[in-house]
């Protein structure tokens, strides 16, 4: 078979959508099995729906899934903390900078206490 530009473009487009479909499938299952607020039967129902009607099941799951849970918020906070540490953030350095600003009179002691509590969180 001779491949012309249109065939290559169509093959690349088909590969892209196939890859996207697999990615969505994995993302839905990862989100579903990570959740603690969905029962085992609820998870089984979602799996059956997504396997039997893939595109519609994925869309329904994305629309109907509950809002962010406390578990998701904790994971997000931990991820942000890891990113701050990898970027070189240090709470001690931040408090030292705040103390310098307080001593120079640029911030009030109340602001220092509030910002110190936020840096230590």
PDB file of N, CA and C in Angstrom:
ATOM      1  N   UNK A   1       0.831  -1.170   0.000  1.00  0.00           N
ATOM      2  CA  UNK A   1       0.000   0.000   0.000  1.00  0.00           C
ATOM      3  C   UNK A   1       0.879   1.238   0.000  1.00  0.00           C
ATOM      4  N   UNK A   2       0.567   2.167  -0.843  1.00  0.00           N
ATOM      5  CA  UNK A   2       1.288   3.440  -0.875  1.00  0.00           C
ATOM      6  C   UNK A   2       0.681   4.395   0.134  1.00  0.00           C
ATOM      7  N   UNK A   3       1.548   4.996   0.900  1.00  0.00           N
ATOM      8  CA  UNK A   3       1.099   5.965   1.903  1.00  0.00           C
ATOM      9  C   UNK A   3       1.272   7.362   1.337  1.00  0.00           C
ATOM     10  N   UNK A   4       0.200   8.087   1.257  1.00  0.00           N
ATOM     11  CA  UNK A   4       0.319   9.489   0.879  1.00  0.00           C
ATOM     12  C   UNK A   4       0.127  10.345   2.136  1.00  0.00           C
ATOM     13  N   UNK A   5       0.213  11.645   1.978  1.00  0.00           N
ATOM     14  CA  UNK A   5       0.136  12.543   3.128  1.00  0.00           C
ATOM     15  C   UNK A   5      -1.193  12.408   3.865  1.00  0.00           C
ATOM     16  N   UNK A   6      -2.268  12.263   3.156  1.00  0.00           N
ATOM     17  CA  UNK A   6      -3.588  12.133   3.771  1.00  0.00           C
ATOM     18  C   UNK A   6      -3.706  10.868   4.604  1.00  0.00           C
ATOM     19  N   UNK A   7      -3.138   9.757   4.120  1.00  0.00           N
ATOM     20  CA  UNK A   7      -3.173   8.504   4.875  1.00  0.00           C
ATOM     21  C   UNK A   7      -2.372   8.615   6.177  1.00  0.00           C
ATOM     22  N   UNK A   8      -1.209   9.240   6.084  1.00  0.00           N
ATOM     23  CA  UNK A   8      -0.382   9.425   7.275  1.00  0.00           C
ATOM     24  C   UNK A   8      -1.098  10.315   8.276  1.00  0.00           C
ATOM     25  N   UNK A   9      -1.703  11.398   7.793  1.00  0.00           N
ATOM     26  CA  UNK A   9      -2.437  12.312   8.669  1.00  0.00           C
ATOM     27  C   UNK A   9      -3.624  11.609   9.330  1.00  0.00           C
ATOM     28  N   UNK A  10      -4.337  10.812   8.568  1.00  0.00           N
ATOM     29  CA  UNK A  10      -5.478  10.069   9.110  1.00  0.00           C
ATOM     30  C   UNK A  10      -5.023   9.033  10.137  1.00  0.00           C
ATOM     31  N   UNK A  11      -3.906   8.352   9.874  1.00  0.00           N
ATOM     32  CA  UNK A  11      -3.380   7.373  10.821  1.00  0.00           C
ATOM     33  C   UNK A  11      -2.946   8.056  12.119  1.00  0.00           C
ATOM     34  N   UNK A  12      -2.317   9.230  12.006  1.00  0.00           N
ATOM     35  CA  UNK A  12      -1.901   9.964  13.195  1.00  0.00           C
ATOM     36  C   UNK A  12      -3.109  10.440  13.998  1.00  0.00           C
ATOM     37  N   UNK A  13      -4.144  10.862  13.315  1.00  0.00           N
ATOM     38  CA  UNK A  13      -5.361  11.298  13.981  1.00  0.00           C
ATOM     39  C   UNK A  13      -6.041  10.135  14.697  1.00  0.00           C
ATOM     40  N   UNK A  14      -6.095   8.988  14.042  1.00  0.00           N
ATOM     41  CA  UNK A  14      -6.683   7.802  14.663  1.00  0.00           C
ATOM     42  C   UNK A  14      -5.881   7.379  15.891  1.00  0.00           C
ATOM     43  N   UNK A  15      -4.556   7.411  15.789  1.00  0.00           N
ATOM     44  CA  UNK A  15      -3.701   7.075  16.931  1.00  0.00           C
ATOM     45  C   UNK A  15      -3.927   8.045  18.078  1.00  0.00           C
ATOM     46  N   UNK A  16      -4.035   9.345  17.764  1.00  0.00           N
ATOM     47  CA  UNK A  16      -4.260  10.350  18.792  1.00  0.00           C
ATOM     48  C   UNK A  16      -5.558  10.084  19.534  1.00  0.00           C
ATOM     49  N   UNK A  17      -6.657   9.821  18.821  1.00  0.00           N
ATOM     50  CA  UNK A  17      -7.931   9.580  19.482  1.00  0.00           C
ATOM     51  C   UNK A  17      -7.932   8.254  20.248  1.00  0.00           C
ATOM     52  N   UNK A  18      -7.246   7.254  19.750  1.00  0.00           N
ATOM     53  CA  UNK A  18      -7.151   5.988  20.469  1.00  0.00           C
ATOM     54  C   UNK A  18      -6.381   6.185  21.773  1.00  0.00           C
ATOM     55  N   UNK A  19      -5.270   6.908  21.690  1.00  0.00           N
ATOM     56  CA  UNK A  19      -4.481   7.216  22.882  1.00  0.00           C
ATOM     57  C   UNK A  19      -5.300   8.035  23.872  1.00  0.00           C
ATOM     58  N   UNK A  20      -6.059   9.024  23.404  1.00  0.00           N
ATOM     59  CA  UNK A  20      -6.917   9.845  24.252  1.00  0.00           C
ATOM     60  C   UNK A  20      -7.984   9.006  24.941  1.00  0.00           C
ATOM     61  N   UNK A  21      -8.563   8.067  24.221  1.00  0.00           N
ATOM     62  CA  UNK A  21      -9.581   7.187  24.784  1.00  0.00           C
ATOM     63  C   UNK A  21      -8.998   6.345  25.916  1.00  0.00           C
ATOM     64  N   UNK A  22      -7.825   5.767  25.699  1.00  0.00           N
ATOM     65  CA  UNK A  22      -7.182   4.947  26.727  1.00  0.00           C
ATOM     66  C   UNK A  22      -6.837   5.809  27.939  1.00  0.00           C
ATOM     67  N   UNK A  23      -6.370   7.021  27.702  1.00  0.00           N
ATOM     68  CA  UNK A  23      -6.021   7.935  28.783  1.00  0.00           C
ATOM     69  C   UNK A  23      -7.254   8.261  29.633  1.00  0.00           C
ATOM     70  N   UNK A  24      -8.376   8.551  28.988  1.00  0.00           N
ATOM     71  CA  UNK A  24      -9.607   8.856  29.718  1.00  0.00           C
ATOM     72  C   UNK A  24     -10.069   7.643  30.527  1.00  0.00           C
ATOM     73  N   UNK A  25      -9.984   6.477  29.925  1.00  0.00           N
ATOM     74  CA  UNK A  25     -10.371   5.233  30.590  1.00  0.00           C
ATOM     75  C   UNK A  25      -9.568   5.052  31.880  1.00  0.00           C
ATOM     76  N   UNK A  26      -8.247   5.199  31.786  1.00  0.00           N
ATOM     77  CA  UNK A  26      -7.378   5.037  32.945  1.00  0.00           C
ATOM     78  C   UNK A  26      -7.648   6.115  33.981  1.00  0.00           C
ATOM     79  N   UNK A  27      -7.846   7.362  33.545  1.00  0.00           N
ATOM     80  CA  UNK A  27      -8.095   8.459  34.478  1.00  0.00           C
ATOM     81  C   UNK A  27      -9.390   8.244  35.263  1.00  0.00           C
ATOM     82  N   UNK A  28     -10.429   7.781  34.588  1.00  0.00           N
ATOM     83  CA  UNK A  28     -11.698   7.534  35.274  1.00  0.00           C
ATOM     84  C   UNK A  28     -11.540   6.404  36.281  1.00  0.00           C
ATOM     85  N   UNK A  29     -10.901   5.306  35.903  1.00  0.00           N
ATOM     86  CA  UNK A  29     -10.718   4.198  36.831  1.00  0.00           C
ATOM     87  C   UNK A  29      -9.833   4.598  38.005  1.00  0.00           C
ATOM     88  N   UNK A  30      -8.765   5.359  37.752  1.00  0.00           N
ATOM     89  CA  UNK A  30      -7.888   5.800  38.839  1.00  0.00           C
ATOM     90  C   UNK A  30      -8.661   6.682  39.818  1.00  0.00           C
ATOM     91  N   UNK A  31      -9.455   7.610  39.300  1.00  0.00           N
ATOM     92  CA  UNK A  31     -10.246   8.477  40.162  1.00  0.00           C
ATOM     93  C   UNK A  31     -11.294   7.683  40.925  1.00  0.00           C
ATOM     94  N   UNK A  32     -11.924   6.762  40.244  1.00  0.00           N
ATOM     95  CA  UNK A  32     -12.992   5.977  40.852  1.00  0.00           C
ATOM     96  C   UNK A  32     -12.474   5.104  41.990  1.00  0.00           C
ATOM     97  N   UNK A  33     -11.379   4.389  41.775  1.00  0.00           N
ATOM     98  CA  UNK A  33     -10.874   3.480  42.799  1.00  0.00           C
ATOM     99  C   UNK A  33     -10.127   4.198  43.911  1.00  0.00           C
ATOM    100  N   UNK A  34      -9.732   5.441  43.704  1.00  0.00           N
ATOM    101  CA  UNK A  34      -9.073   6.216  44.740  1.00  0.00           C
ATOM    102  C   UNK A  34     -10.069   6.788  45.740  1.00  0.00           C
ATOM    103  N   UNK A  35     -11.310   6.959  45.335  1.00  0.00           N
ATOM    104  CA  UNK A  35     -12.320   7.613  46.174  1.00  0.00           C
ATOM    105  C   UNK A  35     -12.768   6.709  47.315  1.00  0.00           C
ATOM    106  N   UNK A  36     -12.878   7.322  48.491  1.00  0.00           N
ATOM    107  CA  UNK A  36     -13.376   6.597  49.656  1.00  0.00           C
ATOM    108  C   UNK A  36     -14.873   6.816  49.857  1.00  0.00           C
ATOM    109  N   UNK A  37     -15.439   7.805  49.190  1.00  0.00           N
ATOM    110  CA  UNK A  37     -16.844   8.143  49.404  1.00  0.00           C
ATOM    111  C   UNK A  37     -17.799   7.366  48.495  1.00  0.00           C
ATOM    112  N   UNK A  38     -17.278   6.471  47.662  1.00  0.00           N
ATOM    113  CA  UNK A  38     -18.118   5.640  46.796  1.00  0.00           C
ATOM    114  C   UNK A  38     -18.012   4.203  47.302  1.00  0.00           C
ATOM    115  N   UNK A  39     -19.159   3.560  47.474  1.00  0.00           N
ATOM    116  CA  UNK A  39     -19.156   2.188  47.994  1.00  0.00           C
ATOM    117  C   UNK A  39     -18.628   1.214  46.936  1.00  0.00           C
ATOM    118  N   UNK A  40     -18.414  -0.009  47.362  1.00  0.00           N
ATOM    119  CA  UNK A  40     -17.941  -1.043  46.434  1.00  0.00           C
ATOM    120  C   UNK A  40     -18.935  -1.304  45.314  1.00  0.00           C
ATOM    121  N   UNK A  41     -20.238  -1.346  45.659  1.00  0.00           N
ATOM    122  CA  UNK A  41     -21.254  -1.564  44.627  1.00  0.00           C
ATOM    123  C   UNK A  41     -21.341  -0.369  43.692  1.00  0.00           C
ATOM    124  N   UNK A  42     -21.143   0.816  44.224  1.00  0.00           N
ATOM    125  CA  UNK A  42     -21.141   2.004  43.377  1.00  0.00           C
ATOM    126  C   UNK A  42     -19.987   1.977  42.381  1.00  0.00           C
ATOM    127  N   UNK A  43     -18.818   1.554  42.871  1.00  0.00           N
ATOM    128  CA  UNK A  43     -17.654   1.433  41.994  1.00  0.00           C
ATOM    129  C   UNK A  43     -17.903   0.369  40.928  1.00  0.00           C
ATOM    130  N   UNK A  44     -18.506  -0.750  41.327  1.00  0.00           N
ATOM    131  CA  UNK A  44     -18.807  -1.814  40.364  1.00  0.00           C
ATOM    132  C   UNK A  44     -19.789  -1.312  39.300  1.00  0.00           C
ATOM    133  N   UNK A  45     -20.779  -0.549  39.722  1.00  0.00           N
ATOM    134  CA  UNK A  45     -21.733   0.007  38.763  1.00  0.00           C
ATOM    135  C   UNK A  45     -21.066   0.942  37.775  1.00  0.00           C
ATOM    136  N   UNK A  46     -20.184   1.816  38.273  1.00  0.00           N
ATOM    137  CA  UNK A  46     -19.473   2.720  37.371  1.00  0.00           C
ATOM    138  C   UNK A  46     -18.590   1.943  36.396  1.00  0.00           C
ATOM    139  N   UNK A  47     -17.918   0.905  36.883  1.00  0.00           N
ATOM    140  CA  UNK A  47     -17.057   0.101  36.004  1.00  0.00           C
ATOM    141  C   UNK A  47     -17.884  -0.539  34.901  1.00  0.00           C
ATOM    142  N   UNK A  48     -19.022  -1.112  35.255  1.00  0.00           N
ATOM    143  CA  UNK A  48     -19.886  -1.744  34.243  1.00  0.00           C
ATOM    144  C   UNK A  48     -20.348  -0.710  33.217  1.00  0.00           C
ATOM    145  N   UNK A  49     -20.749   0.461  33.702  1.00  0.00           N
ATOM    146  CA  UNK A  49     -21.209   1.506  32.778  1.00  0.00           C
ATOM    147  C   UNK A  49     -20.095   1.960  31.843  1.00  0.00           C
ATOM    148  N   UNK A  50     -18.903   2.176  32.386  1.00  0.00           N
ATOM    149  CA  UNK A  50     -17.793   2.663  31.563  1.00  0.00           C
ATOM    150  C   UNK A  50     -17.319   1.590  30.582  1.00  0.00           C
ATOM    151  N   UNK A  51     -17.374   0.324  30.979  1.00  0.00           N
ATOM    152  CA  UNK A  51     -16.927  -0.743  30.077  1.00  0.00           C
ATOM    153  C   UNK A  51     -17.962  -0.991  28.972  1.00  0.00           C
ATOM    154  N   UNK A  52     -19.242  -0.979  29.320  1.00  0.00           N
ATOM    155  CA  UNK A  52     -20.274  -1.265  28.321  1.00  0.00           C
ATOM    156  C   UNK A  52     -20.535  -0.091  27.384  1.00  0.00           C
ATOM    157  N   UNK A  53     -20.529   1.116  27.910  1.00  0.00           N
ATOM    158  CA  UNK A  53     -20.753   2.321  27.095  1.00  0.00           C
ATOM    159  C   UNK A  53     -19.604   3.296  27.346  1.00  0.00           C
ATOM    160  N   UNK A  54     -18.446   3.068  26.734  1.00  0.00           N
ATOM    161  CA  UNK A  54     -17.237   3.809  27.117  1.00  0.00           C
ATOM    162  C   UNK A  54     -17.368   5.329  27.063  1.00  0.00           C
ATOM    163  N   UNK A  55     -17.679   5.892  25.905  1.00  0.00           N
ATOM    164  CA  UNK A  55     -17.697   7.346  25.799  1.00  0.00           C
ATOM    165  C   UNK A  55     -18.808   7.956  26.634  1.00  0.00           C
ATOM    166  N   UNK A  56     -19.987   7.391  26.560  1.00  0.00           N
ATOM    167  CA  UNK A  56     -21.114   7.917  27.322  1.00  0.00           C
ATOM    168  C   UNK A  56     -20.868   7.707  28.815  1.00  0.00           C
ATOM    169  N   UNK A  57     -20.338   6.549  29.203  1.00  0.00           N
ATOM    170  CA  UNK A  57     -20.046   6.277  30.604  1.00  0.00           C
ATOM    171  C   UNK A  57     -19.019   7.239  31.175  1.00  0.00           C
ATOM    172  N   UNK A  58     -17.966   7.523  30.409  1.00  0.00           N
ATOM    173  CA  UNK A  58     -16.940   8.463  30.863  1.00  0.00           C
ATOM    174  C   UNK A  58     -17.535   9.857  31.002  1.00  0.00           C
ATOM    175  N   UNK A  59     -18.315  10.274  30.027  1.00  0.00           N
ATOM    176  CA  UNK A  59     -18.932  11.600  30.104  1.00  0.00           C
ATOM    177  C   UNK A  59     -19.887  11.704  31.291  1.00  0.00           C
ATOM    178  N   UNK A  60     -20.709  10.676  31.504  1.00  0.00           N
ATOM    179  CA  UNK A  60     -21.633  10.697  32.638  1.00  0.00           C
ATOM    180  C   UNK A  60     -20.861  10.736  33.946  1.00  0.00           C
ATOM    181  N   UNK A  61     -19.774   9.965  34.051  1.00  0.00           N
ATOM    182  CA  UNK A  61     -18.979   9.967  35.281  1.00  0.00           C
ATOM    183  C   UNK A  61     -18.396  11.354  35.541  1.00  0.00           C
ATOM    184  N   UNK A  62     -17.849  11.979  34.504  1.00  0.00           N
ATOM    185  CA  UNK A  62     -17.246  13.302  34.678  1.00  0.00           C
ATOM    186  C   UNK A  62     -18.282  14.354  35.083  1.00  0.00           C
ATOM    187  N   UNK A  63     -19.487  14.214  34.588  1.00  0.00           N
ATOM    188  CA  UNK A  63     -20.536  15.178  34.920  1.00  0.00           C
ATOM    189  C   UNK A  63     -21.122  14.899  36.298  1.00  0.00           C
ATOM    190  N   UNK A  64     -21.354  13.632  36.626  1.00  0.00           N
ATOM    191  CA  UNK A  64     -22.097  13.272  37.835  1.00  0.00           C
ATOM    192  C   UNK A  64     -21.229  13.027  39.058  1.00  0.00           C
ATOM    193  N   UNK A  65     -19.932  12.953  38.902  1.00  0.00           N
ATOM    194  CA  UNK A  65     -19.109  12.608  40.060  1.00  0.00           C
ATOM    195  C   UNK A  65     -19.185  13.717  41.104  1.00  0.00           C
ATOM    196  N   UNK A  66     -19.060  13.347  42.368  1.00  0.00           N
ATOM    197  CA  UNK A  66     -19.171  14.336  43.447  1.00  0.00           C
ATOM    198  C   UNK A  66     -18.032  15.353  43.417  1.00  0.00           C
ATOM    199  N   UNK A  67     -18.236  16.413  44.135  1.00  0.00           N
ATOM    200  CA  UNK A  67     -17.213  17.448  44.244  1.00  0.00           C
ATOM    201  C   UNK A  67     -15.984  16.890  44.960  1.00  0.00           C
ATOM    202  N   UNK A  68     -14.942  17.708  45.037  1.00  0.00           N
ATOM    203  CA  UNK A  68     -13.698  17.297  45.656  1.00  0.00           C
ATOM    204  C   UNK A  68     -13.932  16.930  47.121  1.00  0.00           C
ATOM    205  N   UNK A  69     -13.447  15.786  47.517  1.00  0.00           N
ATOM    206  CA  UNK A  69     -13.615  15.311  48.892  1.00  0.00           C
ATOM    207  C   UNK A  69     -12.468  15.824  49.762  1.00  0.00           C
ATOM    208  N   UNK A  70     -12.578  15.593  51.057  1.00  0.00           N
ATOM    209  CA  UNK A  70     -11.500  15.972  51.982  1.00  0.00           C
ATOM    210  C   UNK A  70     -10.218  15.221  51.647  1.00  0.00           C
ATOM    211  N   UNK A  71     -10.363  13.980  51.201  1.00  0.00           N
ATOM    212  CA  UNK A  71      -9.202  13.172  50.814  1.00  0.00           C
ATOM    213  C   UNK A  71      -8.497  13.832  49.622  1.00  0.00           C
ATOM    214  N   UNK A  72      -9.265  14.288  48.633  1.00  0.00           N
ATOM    215  CA  UNK A  72      -8.680  14.956  47.479  1.00  0.00           C
ATOM    216  C   UNK A  72      -7.991  16.251  47.891  1.00  0.00           C
ATOM    217  N   UNK A  73      -8.598  16.992  48.815  1.00  0.00           N
ATOM    218  CA  UNK A  73      -8.005  18.244  49.286  1.00  0.00           C
ATOM    219  C   UNK A  73      -6.696  17.989  50.009  1.00  0.00           C
ATOM    220  N   UNK A  74      -6.646  16.911  50.825  1.00  0.00           N
ATOM    221  CA  UNK A  74      -5.405  16.559  51.510  1.00  0.00           C
ATOM    222  C   UNK A  74      -4.315  16.202  50.510  1.00  0.00           C
ATOM    223  N   UNK A  75      -4.677  15.405  49.509  1.00  0.00           N
ATOM    224  CA  UNK A  75      -3.690  15.002  48.501  1.00  0.00           C
ATOM    225  C   UNK A  75      -3.173  16.217  47.737  1.00  0.00           C
ATOM    226  N   UNK A  76      -4.070  17.155  47.417  1.00  0.00           N
ATOM    227  CA  UNK A  76      -3.675  18.361  46.700  1.00  0.00           C
ATOM    228  C   UNK A  76      -2.745  19.208  47.555  1.00  0.00           C
ATOM    229  N   UNK A  77      -3.049  19.334  48.849  1.00  0.00           N
ATOM    230  CA  UNK A  77      -2.204  20.097  49.756  1.00  0.00           C
ATOM    231  C   UNK A  77      -0.827  19.454  49.877  1.00  0.00           C
ATOM    232  N   UNK A  78      -0.783  18.132  49.983  1.00  0.00           N
ATOM    233  CA  UNK A  78       0.500  17.434  50.070  1.00  0.00           C
ATOM    234  C   UNK A  78       1.308  17.607  48.787  1.00  0.00           C
ATOM    235  N   UNK A  79       0.641  17.559  47.659  1.00  0.00           N
ATOM    236  CA  UNK A  79       1.330  17.755  46.380  1.00  0.00           C
ATOM    237  C   UNK A  79       1.895  19.166  46.276  1.00  0.00           C
ATOM    238  N   UNK A  80       1.115  20.163  46.693  1.00  0.00           N
ATOM    239  CA  UNK A  80       1.604  21.536  46.663  1.00  0.00           C
ATOM    240  C   UNK A  80       2.798  21.717  47.587  1.00  0.00           C
ATOM    241  N   UNK A  81       2.758  21.085  48.752  1.00  0.00           N
ATOM    242  CA  UNK A  81       3.873  21.169  49.692  1.00  0.00           C
ATOM    243  C   UNK A  81       5.127  20.527  49.100  1.00  0.00           C
ATOM    244  N   UNK A  82       4.980  19.386  48.439  1.00  0.00           N
ATOM    245  CA  UNK A  82       6.127  18.743  47.787  1.00  0.00           C
ATOM    246  C   UNK A  82       6.701  19.640  46.706  1.00  0.00           C
ATOM    247  N   UNK A  83       5.848  20.286  45.926  1.00  0.00           N
ATOM    248  CA  UNK A  83       6.319  21.171  44.870  1.00  0.00           C
ATOM    249  C   UNK A  83       7.056  22.379  45.443  1.00  0.00           C
ATOM    250  N   UNK A  84       6.540  22.917  46.563  1.00  0.00           N
ATOM    251  CA  UNK A  84       7.216  24.055  47.189  1.00  0.00           C
ATOM    252  C   UNK A  84       8.592  23.652  47.700  1.00  0.00           C
ATOM    253  N   UNK A  85       8.702  22.469  48.285  1.00  0.00           N
ATOM    254  CA  UNK A  85       9.998  22.024  48.792  1.00  0.00           C
ATOM    255  C   UNK A  85      10.974  21.749  47.661  1.00  0.00           C
ATOM    256  N   UNK A  86      10.468  21.199  46.556  1.00  0.00           N
ATOM    257  CA  UNK A  86      11.340  20.937  45.413  1.00  0.00           C
ATOM    258  C   UNK A  86      11.818  22.235  44.778  1.00  0.00           C
ATOM    259  N   UNK A  87      11.023  23.292  44.892  1.00  0.00           N
ATOM    260  CA  UNK A  87      11.393  24.583  44.323  1.00  0.00           C
ATOM    261  C   UNK A  87      12.330  25.348  45.257  1.00  0.00           C
ATOM    262  N   UNK A  88      12.666  24.771  46.404  1.00  0.00           N
ATOM    263  CA  UNK A  88      13.595  25.406  47.317  1.00  0.00           C
ATOM    264  C   UNK A  88      12.921  26.220  48.406  1.00  0.00           C
ATOM    265  N   UNK A  89      11.643  26.060  48.601  1.00  0.00           N
ATOM    266  CA  UNK A  89      10.920  26.790  49.639  1.00  0.00           C
ATOM    267  C   UNK A  89      11.255  26.209  50.998  1.00  0.00           C
ATOM    268  N   UNK A  90      11.492  27.083  51.946  1.00  0.00           N
ATOM    269  CA  UNK A  90      11.741  26.650  53.315  1.00  0.00           C
ATOM    270  C   UNK A  90      10.937  27.554  54.243  1.00  0.00           C
ATOM    271  N   UNK A  91      10.178  26.963  55.145  1.00  0.00           N
ATOM    272  CA  UNK A  91       9.385  27.759  56.086  1.00  0.00           C
ATOM    273  C   UNK A  91      10.295  28.595  56.974  1.00  0.00           C
ATOM    274  N   UNK A  92      11.457  28.051  57.356  1.00  0.00           N
ATOM    275  CA  UNK A  92      12.386  28.798  58.203  1.00  0.00           C
ATOM    276  C   UNK A  92      12.901  30.043  57.483  1.00  0.00           C
ATOM    277  N   UNK A  93      13.232  29.907  56.200  1.00  0.00           N
ATOM    278  CA  UNK A  93      13.676  31.065  55.417  1.00  0.00           C
ATOM    279  C   UNK A  93      12.571  32.108  55.314  1.00  0.00           C
ATOM    280  N   UNK A  94      11.354  31.646  55.108  1.00  0.00           N
ATOM    281  CA  UNK A  94      10.219  32.549  54.984  1.00  0.00           C
ATOM    282  C   UNK A  94       9.987  33.313  56.294  1.00  0.00           C
ATOM    283  N   UNK A  95      10.074  32.622  57.428  1.00  0.00           N
ATOM    284  CA  UNK A  95       9.888  33.274  58.725  1.00  0.00           C
ATOM    285  C   UNK A  95      11.024  34.259  58.989  1.00  0.00           C
ATOM    286  N   UNK A  96      12.238  33.910  58.578  1.00  0.00           N
ATOM    287  CA  UNK A  96      13.368  34.826  58.726  1.00  0.00           C
ATOM    288  C   UNK A  96      13.143  36.108  57.924  1.00  0.00           C
ATOM    289  N   UNK A  97      12.646  35.973  56.708  1.00  0.00           N
ATOM    290  CA  UNK A  97      12.348  37.152  55.886  1.00  0.00           C
ATOM    291  C   UNK A  97      11.252  37.987  56.520  1.00  0.00           C
ATOM    292  N   UNK A  98      10.239  37.315  57.067  1.00  0.00           N
ATOM    293  CA  UNK A  98       9.150  38.044  57.726  1.00  0.00           C
ATOM    294  C   UNK A  98       9.654  38.783  58.964  1.00  0.00           C
ATOM    295  N   UNK A  99      10.553  38.149  59.730  1.00  0.00           N
ATOM    296  CA  UNK A  99      11.107  38.804  60.912  1.00  0.00           C
ATOM    297  C   UNK A  99      11.901  40.041  60.516  1.00  0.00           C
ATOM    298  N   UNK A 100      12.637  39.962  59.424  1.00  0.00           N
ATOM    299  CA  UNK A 100      13.384  41.116  58.931  1.00  0.00           C
ATOM    300  C   UNK A 100      12.431  42.249  58.555  1.00  0.00           C
ATOM    301  N   UNK A 101      11.341  41.892  57.881  1.00  0.00           N
ATOM    302  CA  UNK A 101      10.352  42.909  57.517  1.00  0.00           C
ATOM    303  C   UNK A 101       9.702  43.518  58.756  1.00  0.00           C
ATOM    304  N   UNK A 102       9.420  42.696  59.760  1.00  0.00           N
ATOM    305  CA  UNK A 102       8.807  43.189  60.997  1.00  0.00           C
ATOM    306  C   UNK A 102       9.762  44.116  61.739  1.00  0.00           C
ATOM    307  N   UNK A 103      11.039  43.726  61.803  1.00  0.00           N
ATOM    308  CA  UNK A 103      12.033  44.552  62.491  1.00  0.00           C
ATOM    309  C   UNK A 103      12.269  45.875  61.774  1.00  0.00           C
ATOM    310  N   UNK A 104      12.125  45.864  60.459  1.00  0.00           N
ATOM    311  CA  UNK A 104      12.295  47.095  59.684  1.00  0.00           C
ATOM    312  C   UNK A 104      11.047  47.973  59.736  1.00  0.00           C
ATOM    313  N   UNK A 105       9.958  47.444  60.305  1.00  0.00           N
ATOM    314  CA  UNK A 105       8.729  48.222  60.428  1.00  0.00           C
ATOM    315  C   UNK A 105       7.847  48.204  59.191  1.00  0.00           C
ATOM    316  N   UNK A 106       8.132  47.313  58.278  1.00  0.00           N
ATOM    317  CA  UNK A 106       7.340  47.246  57.041  1.00  0.00           C
ATOM    318  C   UNK A 106       6.044  46.472  57.229  1.00  0.00           C
ATOM    319  N   UNK A 107       5.992  45.585  58.211  1.00  0.00           N
ATOM    320  CA  UNK A 107       4.754  44.875  58.524  1.00  0.00           C
ATOM    321  C   UNK A 107       4.519  44.957  60.029  1.00  0.00           C
ATOM    322  N   UNK A 108       3.277  44.854  60.426  1.00  0.00           N
ATOM    323  CA  UNK A 108       2.921  44.938  61.839  1.00  0.00           C
ATOM    324  C   UNK A 108       3.127  43.573  62.498  1.00  0.00           C
ATOM    325  N   UNK A 109       3.213  43.541  63.825  1.00  0.00           N
ATOM    326  CA  UNK A 109       3.345  42.243  64.513  1.00  0.00           C
ATOM    327  C   UNK A 109       2.159  41.311  64.240  1.00  0.00           C
ATOM    328  N   UNK A 110       0.955  41.874  64.070  1.00  0.00           N
ATOM    329  CA  UNK A 110      -0.210  41.037  63.751  1.00  0.00           C
ATOM    330  C   UNK A 110      -0.057  40.389  62.372  1.00  0.00           C
ATOM    331  N   UNK A 111       0.417  41.188  61.411  1.00  0.00           N
ATOM    332  CA  UNK A 111       0.651  40.623  60.070  1.00  0.00           C
ATOM    333  C   UNK A 111       1.740  39.564  60.117  1.00  0.00           C
ATOM    334  N   UNK A 112       2.778  39.826  60.924  1.00  0.00           N
ATOM    335  CA  UNK A 112       3.856  38.853  61.067  1.00  0.00           C
ATOM    336  C   UNK A 112       3.319  37.526  61.597  1.00  0.00           C
ATOM    337  N   UNK A 113       2.483  37.594  62.646  1.00  0.00           N
ATOM    338  CA  UNK A 113       1.922  36.367  63.225  1.00  0.00           C
ATOM    339  C   UNK A 113       1.052  35.624  62.217  1.00  0.00           C
ATOM    340  N   UNK A 114       0.223  36.372  61.473  1.00  0.00           N
ATOM    341  CA  UNK A 114      -0.657  35.739  60.474  1.00  0.00           C
ATOM    342  C   UNK A 114       0.167  35.087  59.360  1.00  0.00           C
ATOM    343  N   UNK A 115       1.172  35.814  58.838  1.00  0.00           N
ATOM    344  CA  UNK A 115       1.997  35.274  57.750  1.00  0.00           C
ATOM    345  C   UNK A 115       2.886  34.130  58.240  1.00  0.00           C
ATOM    346  N   UNK A 116       3.320  34.197  59.485  1.00  0.00           N
ATOM    347  CA  UNK A 116       4.133  33.121  60.056  1.00  0.00           C
ATOM    348  C   UNK A 116       3.300  31.835  60.159  1.00  0.00           C
ATOM    349  N   UNK A 117       2.052  31.977  60.614  1.00  0.00           N
ATOM    350  CA  UNK A 117       1.174  30.803  60.712  1.00  0.00           C
ATOM    351  C   UNK A 117       0.928  30.211  59.327  1.00  0.00           C
ATOM    352  N   UNK A 118       0.766  31.067  58.332  1.00  0.00           N
ATOM    353  CA  UNK A 118       0.534  30.561  56.971  1.00  0.00           C
ATOM    354  C   UNK A 118       1.781  29.873  56.422  1.00  0.00           C
ATOM    355  N   UNK A 119       2.977  30.424  56.730  1.00  0.00           N
ATOM    356  CA  UNK A 119       4.209  29.805  56.241  1.00  0.00           C
ATOM    357  C   UNK A 119       4.453  28.449  56.884  1.00  0.00           C
ATOM    358  N   UNK A 120       4.008  28.301  58.133  1.00  0.00           N
ATOM    359  CA  UNK A 120       4.227  27.038  58.839  1.00  0.00           C
ATOM    360  C   UNK A 120       3.170  25.986  58.505  1.00  0.00           C
ATOM    361  N   UNK A 121       2.095  26.396  57.858  1.00  0.00           N
ATOM    362  CA  UNK A 121       1.020  25.454  57.537  1.00  0.00           C
ATOM    363  C   UNK A 121       1.405  24.530  56.418  1.00  0.00           C
TER     364      UNK A 121
END
